[in-house]
Amino acid sequence: MMLVVLLCILFVNMFVGVVIKTFNEEKEYISFNLLLEKHERSWIKVQILTYQTKPVAQVKTGDKNCLRSISIKIT
């Protein structure tokens, strides 16, 4: 009985792996990434990463330079 259960789990796992691999291959084919060279694909990945980044807000600390803090308040 345990052998049957283990074999079923094995075949389901293999089936899911094949489906995911086929899906990824078809997604690459549809997006025309196969026509690009390696350095072009890496450039596109870098561009996507730069558009996804968000600026980080900096925490303001007390300014120790009195002249600078006064000039910032004036402007």
C-alpha atoms as a PDB file:
ATOM      1  CA  MET A   1       0.000   0.000   0.000  1.00  0.00           C
ATOM      2  CA  MET A   2       2.798   2.424   0.884  1.00  0.00           C
ATOM      3  CA  LEU A   3       4.535   1.621  -2.373  1.00  0.00           C
ATOM      4  CA  VAL A   4       1.441   2.614  -4.340  1.00  0.00           C
ATOM      5  CA  VAL A   5       1.184   5.917  -2.455  1.00  0.00           C
ATOM      6  CA  LEU A   6       4.863   6.712  -2.992  1.00  0.00           C
ATOM      7  CA  LEU A   7       4.634   5.893  -6.706  1.00  0.00           C
ATOM      8  CA  CYS A   8       1.556   8.119  -7.067  1.00  0.00           C
ATOM      9  CA  ILE A   9       3.351  10.991  -5.363  1.00  0.00           C
ATOM     10  CA  LEU A  10       6.381  10.447  -7.601  1.00  0.00           C
ATOM     11  CA  PHE A  11       4.329  10.500 -10.811  1.00  0.00           C
ATOM     12  CA  VAL A  12       2.347  13.572  -9.729  1.00  0.00           C
ATOM     13  CA  ASN A  13       5.606  15.338  -8.911  1.00  0.00           C
ATOM     14  CA  MET A  14       7.065  14.424 -12.314  1.00  0.00           C
ATOM     15  CA  PHE A  15       3.883  15.585 -14.081  1.00  0.00           C
ATOM     16  CA  VAL A  16       3.936  18.961 -12.314  1.00  0.00           C
ATOM     17  CA  GLY A  17       7.620  19.401 -13.184  1.00  0.00           C
ATOM     18  CA  VAL A  18       6.987  18.752 -16.873  1.00  0.00           C
ATOM     19  CA  VAL A  19       4.030  21.146 -16.904  1.00  0.00           C
ATOM     20  CA  ILE A  20       6.054  23.941 -15.272  1.00  0.00           C
ATOM     21  CA  LYS A  21       9.008  23.402 -17.619  1.00  0.00           C
ATOM     22  CA  THR A  22       6.739  23.493 -20.675  1.00  0.00           C
ATOM     23  CA  PHE A  23       4.995  26.613 -19.391  1.00  0.00           C
ATOM     24  CA  ASN A  24       8.309  28.452 -18.925  1.00  0.00           C
ATOM     25  CA  GLU A  25       9.519  27.435 -22.391  1.00  0.00           C
ATOM     26  CA  GLU A  26       6.289  28.634 -24.022  1.00  0.00           C
ATOM     27  CA  LYS A  27       6.421  31.894 -22.084  1.00  0.00           C
ATOM     28  CA  GLU A  28       9.942  32.537 -23.379  1.00  0.00           C
ATOM     29  CA  TYR A  29       8.853  31.667 -26.927  1.00  0.00           C
ATOM     30  CA  ILE A  30       5.828  33.971 -26.823  1.00  0.00           C
ATOM     31  CA  SER A  31       7.800  36.937 -25.434  1.00  0.00           C
ATOM     32  CA  PHE A  32      10.373  36.666 -28.288  1.00  0.00           C
ATOM     33  CA  ASN A  33      13.236  36.379 -25.789  1.00  0.00           C
ATOM     34  CA  LEU A  34      14.709  33.599 -27.909  1.00  0.00           C
ATOM     35  CA  LEU A  35      15.544  36.161 -30.592  1.00  0.00           C
ATOM     36  CA  LEU A  36      17.656  38.226 -28.184  1.00  0.00           C
ATOM     37  CA  GLU A  37      21.293  37.591 -27.445  1.00  0.00           C
ATOM     38  CA  LYS A  38      22.580  36.944 -23.951  1.00  0.00           C
ATOM     39  CA  HIS A  39      23.856  40.476 -23.294  1.00  0.00           C
ATOM     40  CA  GLU A  40      20.579  41.950 -24.587  1.00  0.00           C
ATOM     41  CA  ARG A  41      18.562  39.800 -22.191  1.00  0.00           C
ATOM     42  CA  SER A  42      20.766  40.819 -19.280  1.00  0.00           C
ATOM     43  CA  TRP A  43      20.378  44.499 -20.234  1.00  0.00           C
ATOM     44  CA  ILE A  44      16.584  44.107 -20.218  1.00  0.00           C
ATOM     45  CA  LYS A  45      16.716  42.444 -16.797  1.00  0.00           C
ATOM     46  CA  VAL A  46      18.791  45.334 -15.442  1.00  0.00           C
ATOM     47  CA  GLN A  47      16.312  47.847 -16.854  1.00  0.00           C
ATOM     48  CA  ILE A  48      13.396  46.016 -15.227  1.00  0.00           C
ATOM     49  CA  LEU A  49      15.217  45.959 -11.889  1.00  0.00           C
ATOM     50  CA  THR A  50      15.949  49.693 -12.062  1.00  0.00           C
ATOM     51  CA  TYR A  51      12.295  50.494 -12.742  1.00  0.00           C
ATOM     52  CA  GLN A  52      11.193  48.317  -9.826  1.00  0.00           C
ATOM     53  CA  THR A  53      13.429  49.966  -7.238  1.00  0.00           C
ATOM     54  CA  LYS A  54      11.915  52.537  -4.919  1.00  0.00           C
ATOM     55  CA  PRO A  55      13.794  55.440  -3.327  1.00  0.00           C
ATOM     56  CA  VAL A  56      14.586  55.066   0.344  1.00  0.00           C
ATOM     57  CA  ALA A  57      13.568  57.925   2.613  1.00  0.00           C
ATOM     58  CA  GLN A  58      16.384  59.175   4.783  1.00  0.00           C
ATOM     59  CA  VAL A  59      15.794  59.993   8.404  1.00  0.00           C
ATOM     60  CA  LYS A  60      16.725  63.552   9.255  1.00  0.00           C
ATOM     61  CA  THR A  61      18.811  63.968  12.337  1.00  0.00           C
ATOM     62  CA  GLY A  62      19.448  67.121  14.259  1.00  0.00           C
ATOM     63  CA  ASP A  63      21.880  69.335  12.379  1.00  0.00           C
ATOM     64  CA  LYS A  64      24.916  70.196  14.477  1.00  0.00           C
ATOM     65  CA  ASN A  65      26.005  73.081  12.283  1.00  0.00           C
ATOM     66  CA  CYS A  66      24.033  76.122  13.425  1.00  0.00           C
ATOM     67  CA  LEU A  67      24.856  78.259  10.366  1.00  0.00           C
ATOM     68  CA  ARG A  68      23.726  75.514   8.027  1.00  0.00           C
ATOM     69  CA  SER A  69      20.421  74.960   9.846  1.00  0.00           C
ATOM     70  CA  ILE A  70      19.678  78.706   9.779  1.00  0.00           C
ATOM     71  CA  SER A  71      20.431  78.924   6.052  1.00  0.00           C
ATOM     72  CA  ILE A  72      18.159  75.933   5.364  1.00  0.00           C
ATOM     73  CA  LYS A  73      15.323  77.597   7.306  1.00  0.00           C
ATOM     74  CA  ILE A  74      15.772  80.832   5.350  1.00  0.00           C
ATOM     75  CA  THR A  75      15.583  79.151   1.948  1.00  0.00           C
END
